[in-house]
Amino acid sequence: NFKTTHEIINNIDKLPNKILFTIH
């Protein structure tokens, strides 16, 4: 439940090792 890009960056260690990002 990350709203901002900063939150994703700050929680990078909590993410799995495979991710798909959709960017517009």
PDB file of all heavy atoms in Angstrom:
ATOM      1  N   ASN A   1       0.839  -1.202   0.000  1.00  0.00           N
ATOM      2  CA  ASN A   1       0.000   0.000   0.000  1.00  0.00           C
ATOM      3  C   ASN A   1       0.876   1.255   0.000  1.00  0.00           C
ATOM      4  O   ASN A   1       0.787   2.094   0.887  1.00  0.00           O
ATOM      5  CB  ASN A   1      -0.934  -0.003   1.212  1.00  0.00           C
ATOM      6  CG  ASN A   1      -1.964   1.111   1.129  1.00  0.00           C
ATOM      7  OD1 ASN A   1      -2.424   1.483   0.039  1.00  0.00           O
ATOM      8  ND2 ASN A   1      -2.340   1.661   2.278  1.00  0.00           N
ATOM      9  N   PHE A   2       1.715   1.357  -1.018  1.00  0.00           N
ATOM     10  CA  PHE A   2       2.587   2.521  -1.146  1.00  0.00           C
ATOM     11  C   PHE A   2       1.937   3.532  -2.076  1.00  0.00           C
ATOM     12  O   PHE A   2       1.641   3.223  -3.228  1.00  0.00           O
ATOM     13  CB  PHE A   2       3.950   2.117  -1.718  1.00  0.00           C
ATOM     14  CG  PHE A   2       4.654   1.046  -0.927  1.00  0.00           C
ATOM     15  CD1 PHE A   2       5.279  -0.013  -1.574  1.00  0.00           C
ATOM     16  CD2 PHE A   2       4.695   1.096   0.458  1.00  0.00           C
ATOM     17  CE1 PHE A   2       5.928  -0.996  -0.853  1.00  0.00           C
ATOM     18  CE2 PHE A   2       5.342   0.116   1.192  1.00  0.00           C
ATOM     19  CZ  PHE A   2       5.963  -0.938   0.531  1.00  0.00           C
ATOM     20  N   LYS A   3       1.740   4.730  -1.577  1.00  0.00           N
ATOM     21  CA  LYS A   3       1.100   5.763  -2.397  1.00  0.00           C
ATOM     22  C   LYS A   3       2.114   6.475  -3.287  1.00  0.00           C
ATOM     23  O   LYS A   3       1.844   6.733  -4.457  1.00  0.00           O
ATOM     24  CB  LYS A   3       0.402   6.786  -1.493  1.00  0.00           C
ATOM     25  CG  LYS A   3      -0.281   7.916  -2.257  1.00  0.00           C
ATOM     26  CD  LYS A   3      -0.960   8.889  -1.313  1.00  0.00           C
ATOM     27  CE  LYS A   3      -1.595  10.050  -2.081  1.00  0.00           C
ATOM     28  NZ  LYS A   3      -2.248  11.026  -1.180  1.00  0.00           N
ATOM     29  N   THR A   4       3.267   6.806  -2.742  1.00  0.00           N
ATOM     30  CA  THR A   4       4.237   7.629  -3.465  1.00  0.00           C
ATOM     31  C   THR A   4       5.445   6.809  -3.903  1.00  0.00           C
ATOM     32  O   THR A   4       5.728   5.733  -3.362  1.00  0.00           O
ATOM     33  CB  THR A   4       4.729   8.792  -2.584  1.00  0.00           C
ATOM     34  OG1 THR A   4       5.529   8.256  -1.520  1.00  0.00           O
ATOM     35  CG2 THR A   4       3.564   9.581  -2.010  1.00  0.00           C
ATOM     36  N   THR A   5       6.179   7.367  -4.853  1.00  0.00           N
ATOM     37  CA  THR A   5       7.417   6.734  -5.303  1.00  0.00           C
ATOM     38  C   THR A   5       8.443   6.709  -4.182  1.00  0.00           C
ATOM     39  O   THR A   5       9.206   5.748  -4.041  1.00  0.00           O
ATOM     40  CB  THR A   5       7.977   7.486  -6.524  1.00  0.00           C
ATOM     41  OG1 THR A   5       6.933   7.630  -7.508  1.00  0.00           O
ATOM     42  CG2 THR A   5       9.133   6.729  -7.142  1.00  0.00           C
ATOM     43  N   HIS A   6       8.458   7.759  -3.361  1.00  0.00           N
ATOM     44  CA  HIS A   6       9.378   7.802  -2.211  1.00  0.00           C
ATOM     45  C   HIS A   6       9.128   6.626  -1.274  1.00  0.00           C
ATOM     46  O   HIS A   6      10.079   6.044  -0.735  1.00  0.00           O
ATOM     47  CB  HIS A   6       9.204   9.113  -1.445  1.00  0.00           C
ATOM     48  CG  HIS A   6       9.644  10.322  -2.200  1.00  0.00           C
ATOM     49  ND1 HIS A   6      10.970  10.634  -2.391  1.00  0.00           N
ATOM     50  CD2 HIS A   6       8.937  11.294  -2.829  1.00  0.00           C
ATOM     51  CE1 HIS A   6      11.066  11.754  -3.096  1.00  0.00           C
ATOM     52  NE2 HIS A   6       9.844  12.177  -3.373  1.00  0.00           N
ATOM     53  N   GLU A   7       7.871   6.267  -1.070  1.00  0.00           N
ATOM     54  CA  GLU A   7       7.550   5.147  -0.175  1.00  0.00           C
ATOM     55  C   GLU A   7       8.076   3.835  -0.722  1.00  0.00           C
ATOM     56  O   GLU A   7       8.542   2.972   0.032  1.00  0.00           O
ATOM     57  CB  GLU A   7       6.034   5.069   0.039  1.00  0.00           C
ATOM     58  CG  GLU A   7       5.469   6.191   0.887  1.00  0.00           C
ATOM     59  CD  GLU A   7       3.962   6.088   1.047  1.00  0.00           C
ATOM     60  OE1 GLU A   7       3.461   4.995   1.376  1.00  0.00           O
ATOM     61  OE2 GLU A   7       3.269   7.089   0.815  1.00  0.00           O
ATOM     62  N   ILE A   8       7.997   3.666  -2.041  1.00  0.00           N
ATOM     63  CA  ILE A   8       8.552   2.453  -2.647  1.00  0.00           C
ATOM     64  C   ILE A   8      10.059   2.402  -2.430  1.00  0.00           C
ATOM     65  O   ILE A   8      10.611   1.370  -2.022  1.00  0.00           O
ATOM     66  CB  ILE A   8       8.213   2.403  -4.153  1.00  0.00           C
ATOM     67  CG1 ILE A   8       6.713   2.210  -4.359  1.00  0.00           C
ATOM     68  CG2 ILE A   8       8.991   1.271  -4.839  1.00  0.00           C
ATOM     69  CD1 ILE A   8       6.283   2.231  -5.814  1.00  0.00           C
ATOM     70  N   ILE A   9      10.718   3.514  -2.693  1.00  0.00           N
ATOM     71  CA  ILE A   9      12.178   3.575  -2.516  1.00  0.00           C
ATOM     72  C   ILE A   9      12.568   3.286  -1.072  1.00  0.00           C
ATOM     73  O   ILE A   9      13.486   2.498  -0.795  1.00  0.00           O
ATOM     74  CB  ILE A   9      12.711   4.953  -2.946  1.00  0.00           C
ATOM     75  CG1 ILE A   9      12.502   5.165  -4.446  1.00  0.00           C
ATOM     76  CG2 ILE A   9      14.185   5.106  -2.578  1.00  0.00           C
ATOM     77  CD1 ILE A   9      12.784   6.584  -4.920  1.00  0.00           C
ATOM     78  N   ASN A  10      11.853   3.897  -0.132  1.00  0.00           N
ATOM     79  CA  ASN A  10      12.196   3.749   1.291  1.00  0.00           C
ATOM     80  C   ASN A  10      11.897   2.360   1.833  1.00  0.00           C
ATOM     81  O   ASN A  10      12.422   1.976   2.892  1.00  0.00           O
ATOM     82  CB  ASN A  10      11.446   4.793   2.117  1.00  0.00           C
ATOM     83  CG  ASN A  10      11.919   6.209   1.843  1.00  0.00           C
ATOM     84  OD1 ASN A  10      13.044   6.419   1.386  1.00  0.00           O
ATOM     85  ND2 ASN A  10      11.067   7.194   2.095  1.00  0.00           N
ATOM     86  N   ASN A  11      11.054   1.607   1.124  1.00  0.00           N
ATOM     87  CA  ASN A  11      10.689   0.257   1.580  1.00  0.00           C
ATOM     88  C   ASN A  11      11.204  -0.821   0.638  1.00  0.00           C
ATOM     89  O   ASN A  11      10.683  -1.933   0.622  1.00  0.00           O
ATOM     90  CB  ASN A  11       9.166   0.155   1.709  1.00  0.00           C
ATOM     91  CG  ASN A  11       8.617   0.941   2.878  1.00  0.00           C
ATOM     92  OD1 ASN A  11       8.627   0.480   4.017  1.00  0.00           O
ATOM     93  ND2 ASN A  11       8.141   2.149   2.593  1.00  0.00           N
ATOM     94  N   ILE A  12      12.253  -0.503  -0.084  1.00  0.00           N
ATOM     95  CA  ILE A  12      12.762  -1.425  -1.092  1.00  0.00           C
ATOM     96  C   ILE A  12      13.158  -2.785  -0.517  1.00  0.00           C
ATOM     97  O   ILE A  12      13.012  -3.819  -1.165  1.00  0.00           O
ATOM     98  CB  ILE A  12      13.940  -0.772  -1.863  1.00  0.00           C
ATOM     99  CG1 ILE A  12      14.244  -1.552  -3.134  1.00  0.00           C
ATOM    100  CG2 ILE A  12      15.153  -0.611  -0.973  1.00  0.00           C
ATOM    101  CD1 ILE A  12      15.209  -0.824  -4.065  1.00  0.00           C
ATOM    102  N   ASP A  13      13.624  -2.798   0.736  1.00  0.00           N
ATOM    103  CA  ASP A  13      14.044  -4.064   1.348  1.00  0.00           C
ATOM    104  C   ASP A  13      12.864  -4.975   1.686  1.00  0.00           C
ATOM    105  O   ASP A  13      13.068  -6.156   1.981  1.00  0.00           O
ATOM    106  CB  ASP A  13      14.859  -3.795   2.613  1.00  0.00           C
ATOM    107  CG  ASP A  13      16.228  -3.191   2.304  1.00  0.00           C
ATOM    108  OD1 ASP A  13      16.772  -3.495   1.225  1.00  0.00           O
ATOM    109  OD2 ASP A  13      16.731  -2.402   3.119  1.00  0.00           O
ATOM    110  N   LYS A  14      11.658  -4.437   1.657  1.00  0.00           N
ATOM    111  CA  LYS A  14      10.467  -5.240   1.953  1.00  0.00           C
ATOM    112  C   LYS A  14       9.854  -5.859   0.688  1.00  0.00           C
ATOM    113  O   LYS A  14       8.910  -6.650   0.785  1.00  0.00           O
ATOM    114  CB  LYS A  14       9.411  -4.369   2.644  1.00  0.00           C
ATOM    115  CG  LYS A  14       9.858  -3.810   3.988  1.00  0.00           C
ATOM    116  CD  LYS A  14       8.781  -2.926   4.606  1.00  0.00           C
ATOM    117  CE  LYS A  14       9.238  -2.325   5.914  1.00  0.00           C
ATOM    118  NZ  LYS A  14       8.209  -1.424   6.514  1.00  0.00           N
ATOM    119  N   LEU A  15      10.398  -5.509  -0.456  1.00  0.00           N
ATOM    120  CA  LEU A  15       9.831  -5.963  -1.716  1.00  0.00           C
ATOM    121  C   LEU A  15      10.379  -7.334  -2.104  1.00  0.00           C
ATOM    122  O   LEU A  15      11.505  -7.686  -1.754  1.00  0.00           O
ATOM    123  CB  LEU A  15      10.137  -4.952  -2.823  1.00  0.00           C
ATOM    124  CG  LEU A  15       9.600  -3.535  -2.605  1.00  0.00           C
ATOM    125  CD1 LEU A  15      10.024  -2.624  -3.755  1.00  0.00           C
ATOM    126  CD2 LEU A  15       8.083  -3.541  -2.470  1.00  0.00           C
ATOM    127  N   PRO A  16       9.584  -8.116  -2.847  1.00  0.00           N
ATOM    128  CA  PRO A  16      10.084  -9.410  -3.328  1.00  0.00           C
ATOM    129  C   PRO A  16      11.141  -9.211  -4.410  1.00  0.00           C
ATOM    130  O   PRO A  16      11.382  -8.089  -4.872  1.00  0.00           O
ATOM    131  CB  PRO A  16       8.824 -10.074  -3.888  1.00  0.00           C
ATOM    132  CG  PRO A  16       7.944  -8.937  -4.278  1.00  0.00           C
ATOM    133  CD  PRO A  16       8.202  -7.850  -3.272  1.00  0.00           C
ATOM    134  N   ASN A  17      11.758 -10.294  -4.834  1.00  0.00           N
ATOM    135  CA  ASN A  17      12.848 -10.150  -5.802  1.00  0.00           C
ATOM    136  C   ASN A  17      12.378 -10.123  -7.251  1.00  0.00           C
ATOM    137  O   ASN A  17      13.206 -10.020  -8.163  1.00  0.00           O
ATOM    138  CB  ASN A  17      13.897 -11.259  -5.610  1.00  0.00           C
ATOM    139  CG  ASN A  17      13.326 -12.643  -5.895  1.00  0.00           C
ATOM    140  OD1 ASN A  17      12.142 -12.805  -6.144  1.00  0.00           O
ATOM    141  ND2 ASN A  17      14.187 -13.640  -5.855  1.00  0.00           N
ATOM    142  N   LYS A  18      11.062 -10.198  -7.460  1.00  0.00           N
ATOM    143  CA  LYS A  18      10.528 -10.072  -8.816  1.00  0.00           C
ATOM    144  C   LYS A  18       9.369  -9.074  -8.809  1.00  0.00           C
ATOM    145  O   LYS A  18       8.417  -9.231  -8.031  1.00  0.00           O
ATOM    146  CB  LYS A  18      10.064 -11.424  -9.357  1.00  0.00           C
ATOM    147  CG  LYS A  18      11.214 -12.396  -9.598  1.00  0.00           C
ATOM    148  CD  LYS A  18      10.757 -13.656 -10.308  1.00  0.00           C
ATOM    149  CE  LYS A  18      11.947 -14.570 -10.585  1.00  0.00           C
ATOM    150  NZ  LYS A  18      11.547 -15.794 -11.307  1.00  0.00           N
ATOM    151  N   ILE A  19       9.470  -8.076  -9.658  1.00  0.00           N
ATOM    152  CA  ILE A  19       8.494  -6.983  -9.676  1.00  0.00           C
ATOM    153  C   ILE A  19       8.223  -6.564 -11.110  1.00  0.00           C
ATOM    154  O   ILE A  19       9.140  -6.500 -11.937  1.00  0.00           O
ATOM    155  CB  ILE A  19       8.999  -5.754  -8.893  1.00  0.00           C
ATOM    156  CG1 ILE A  19       9.474  -6.138  -7.491  1.00  0.00           C
ATOM    157  CG2 ILE A  19       7.916  -4.674  -8.801  1.00  0.00           C
ATOM    158  CD1 ILE A  19      10.252  -5.030  -6.782  1.00  0.00           C
ATOM    159  N   LEU A  20       6.959  -6.274 -11.409  1.00  0.00           N
ATOM    160  CA  LEU A  20       6.601  -5.623 -12.673  1.00  0.00           C
ATOM    161  C   LEU A  20       6.038  -4.245 -12.345  1.00  0.00           C
ATOM    162  O   LEU A  20       5.077  -4.134 -11.597  1.00  0.00           O
ATOM    163  CB  LEU A  20       5.580  -6.447 -13.462  1.00  0.00           C
ATOM    164  CG  LEU A  20       5.318  -5.991 -14.908  1.00  0.00           C
ATOM    165  CD1 LEU A  20       4.798  -7.162 -15.744  1.00  0.00           C
ATOM    166  CD2 LEU A  20       4.322  -4.837 -15.006  1.00  0.00           C
ATOM    167  N   PHE A  21       6.661  -3.217 -12.900  1.00  0.00           N
ATOM    168  CA  PHE A  21       6.184  -1.847 -12.744  1.00  0.00           C
ATOM    169  C   PHE A  21       5.540  -1.395 -14.062  1.00  0.00           C
ATOM    170  O   PHE A  21       6.143  -1.530 -15.125  1.00  0.00           O
ATOM    171  CB  PHE A  21       7.333  -0.887 -12.415  1.00  0.00           C
ATOM    172  CG  PHE A  21       7.862  -1.006 -11.019  1.00  0.00           C
ATOM    173  CD1 PHE A  21       9.067  -1.643 -10.780  1.00  0.00           C
ATOM    174  CD2 PHE A  21       7.164  -0.466  -9.939  1.00  0.00           C
ATOM    175  CE1 PHE A  21       9.582  -1.751  -9.499  1.00  0.00           C
ATOM    176  CE2 PHE A  21       7.663  -0.576  -8.650  1.00  0.00           C
ATOM    177  CZ  PHE A  21       8.866  -1.218  -8.426  1.00  0.00           C
ATOM    178  N   THR A  22       4.319  -0.852 -13.965  1.00  0.00           N
ATOM    179  CA  THR A  22       3.692  -0.216 -15.124  1.00  0.00           C
ATOM    180  C   THR A  22       3.809   1.288 -14.967  1.00  0.00           C
ATOM    181  O   THR A  22       3.335   1.863 -13.989  1.00  0.00           O
ATOM    182  CB  THR A  22       2.215  -0.620 -15.253  1.00  0.00           C
ATOM    183  OG1 THR A  22       2.147  -2.005 -15.599  1.00  0.00           O
ATOM    184  CG2 THR A  22       1.533   0.177 -16.351  1.00  0.00           C
ATOM    185  N   ILE A  23       4.458   1.903 -15.947  1.00  0.00           N
ATOM    186  CA  ILE A  23       4.723   3.330 -15.942  1.00  0.00           C
ATOM    187  C   ILE A  23       3.954   3.984 -17.088  1.00  0.00           C
ATOM    188  O   ILE A  23       3.978   3.498 -18.221  1.00  0.00           O
ATOM    189  CB  ILE A  23       6.236   3.607 -16.153  1.00  0.00           C
ATOM    190  CG1 ILE A  23       7.097   2.788 -15.179  1.00  0.00           C
ATOM    191  CG2 ILE A  23       6.526   5.098 -16.077  1.00  0.00           C
ATOM    192  CD1 ILE A  23       6.989   3.191 -13.743  1.00  0.00           C
ATOM    193  N   HIS A  24       3.267   5.083 -16.798  1.00  0.00           N
ATOM    194  CA  HIS A  24       2.624   5.888 -17.839  1.00  0.00           C
ATOM    195  C   HIS A  24       3.474   7.148 -18.033  1.00  0.00           C
ATOM    196  O   HIS A  24       3.424   8.056 -17.185  1.00  0.00           O
ATOM    197  CB  HIS A  24       1.196   6.253 -17.437  1.00  0.00           C
ATOM    198  CG  HIS A  24       0.275   5.066 -17.370  1.00  0.00           C
ATOM    199  ND1 HIS A  24       0.209   4.259 -16.266  1.00  0.00           N
ATOM    200  CD2 HIS A  24      -0.601   4.564 -18.281  1.00  0.00           C
ATOM    201  CE1 HIS A  24      -0.680   3.286 -16.485  1.00  0.00           C
ATOM    202  NE2 HIS A  24      -1.175   3.450 -17.706  1.00  0.00           N
TER     203      HIS A  24
END
